[in-house]
Amino acid sequence: MRRKLTLRCVLISLITAVIVFAAALGVVFWLYDETESDGIKDKTHLLTAALQSAEDPSSVLAAIDDTRVTLVDADGNVVYDSYGATDNHGDREEIIAAMNGEPEVVGRYSQTMGAHAYYYAEKFTAGGNTYVLRLCERRSDIGPYIGAAVGALVLAAAVGIAVSAVFARRMSGSISARLGEINNRLHALTLATPGTSAAGGDEFAEIAEEIDALVAGLGGSLADLRREQSKLDFVINNISQGMMAFSSHNEIVLYNKPVCKIFKVKDDIMGRHFSYLTKDEELKTLMHNALMRGEDGEFSYRLRGKDLNFKVYSFKTDDESGEIEHIVLVADLTKEKAAIRQKSEFFANASHELKTPLTTMQGLTEILLAKAGDEGQKKQLERIYKESKRLSFLVQDMLYISDLESGRAERREEDIDLGAVAAEVRQEYSHQAEERDVTINVSGNGHVRADYRNIYEIVGNLCSNAVHYNVPGGKVDMDIRTDGGQVILTVSDTGIGIPEEHLPKVCERFYRVDKSRSKKTGGTGLGLAIVKHVCNLYGAKLNIRSKVGEGTTVQVVFSPTDDRNK
């Protein structure tokens, strides 16, 4: 370090000497130009004054032998030139300046004199005629003066550099020693142990004292940090979910014990890439895409008989320091998925078992209604038929949603005209809409690739809810539009609306916002649950907005087919 400080000080001295030398040369040249310019101006002034009062100007001009003298008339014609020039001088820069009343010194190469020269001209009047007197002098050689100045400046620079080198070496030695003391204290700071007492009373000593004071209070802080770190490690390693933190280079910088249990690894995986955890190429690809996307995301994957759920949280940073940029939570949902499958199977089996007796009840009720003669008996039979039909619809919806949940639902794709489906649904619910004094409007058009029945279930259930939960004189608007390859179905109504606290749950099976009203309007309580499952089947987004007393808007966004297949 001493050598670096010395070299830098010498370099600064050298640069300073060069700058001073250049500035001095500039001043010398400037003073020389000023002196030469002032001299030729003074000569021209004196000679012009003499010519104005002389009876024979030629005799006055001929007496000047150390300067080229040129006398021209108002048209630029040469009246006299000490070098015998006869060409018109009206286009000379100094002549033009004098004619304009703004004389100036001009420097250029003189072809007549064969050297660089200064020119200066002045206009005057003699005998009623206008003349211009011009003087031209060779530029003096200042080389010897410059040489002498360079020698003196080089000598001064050498002496200055030598002196600065001596002082720089001494100063760098002192600074290096003091910095060594500071370094020792900083080392003590990392160990939380006090250093030796500081010598001297300058700024370095004050810094050393501050570091010693910091070290004195650091011991307790480090102990507190170790206790907090121990608590954090205990919490992280005892949560049920696996947790991993990744750097900007997708390397593991933090993990807990459940990660090792889920992926069955025994080695330390700190600093490893995620691909080290598993040999499953599909899972590696999913994880790589989730991290490279740089956004929060979630995906599920079945690995060695385990149903795993991955949640990725990303933090955007502009640096490459390797700090935490992604956090991944891995949950083992094997037991939960098994319970859901059992529940779904029971749901489907119960629905199948109910379907046959309900069909029999409906058939028998229809026969009895056809033969019933007593009015009271007929009303009871109509009620039985109505409730059995309602129960039949419920069973059909239960079977359908069970197929959707289990993956048994048909997912064939064909080109579906959403506008035509909406028009068909409007026709089906027109009678119910008339009974409730509700108007159904259909606008726009768009095509999606899907199964006809599934799309009809979406539009039909949304339209049914909009009609049943509307108010007299209300309306239902079904709009289809295309935006950037996406097809958007929007069903809005002017009905009673849904309280905000119920919106997160309205897509659950059998969920009722107002049980008393739902019983009056009918329905199975599975409509929005079916809509949600069909949307998941085709990768569509479902958005629901509602305000009590103003109505509800449900929007289904179908992504382009290419995006759904990714």
Foldseek 3Di string as FASTA:
>chain_A
DLVVLLVVLLVVLLVVLVVVLVVVVVVVVVVLVVVQFVVQVVVQVVLQVCCQPDPDNVVSVVVDDQKWKWKAFPQQATPDTPLPDGDRPCPPPQNVCQNVVRGDKDWDQDPSVRAIWIKTKHWDDHPNTIMIMMIIHHRDDCVVVSVVSVVVSVVVSVVSSVVSSVVSSVVSVVVVVLVVLVVVLVVCQVVLHADDQDDDDDPSNVSNVVSNVNSPPVVVVVVVVVVVVVVVLVVQQPDQKWKFFFFPVQATQDTYDNLCVVLVDDDDRHRHHPCVSDVPPVVVVVVVCCSVVQAWDKDWDQDPNWIKIKTKHADDDDDRPRDTGIMIIIHGCNVVVVVVLVVLVVLQVVLVVLQVVLVVLLVVLVVCLVVDDDPVVNVVSVVSNVVSVLVNVLSVLSNLLSCLVVVVDDWAWDKDKLQVLLVVLCVVCVVLLVVQQEAEEEDDIDIDITDPVLSNLLNNLLVLVQRLQAHHNKYWYWYWDDDPQKIKTKIKIQGQKADPVCVVPQLPAQDDRDVVSCVVSRDNSNSSVSNVSSCVSQVWDWDKDIDGNGIIMIMIIGHHNVVSVD
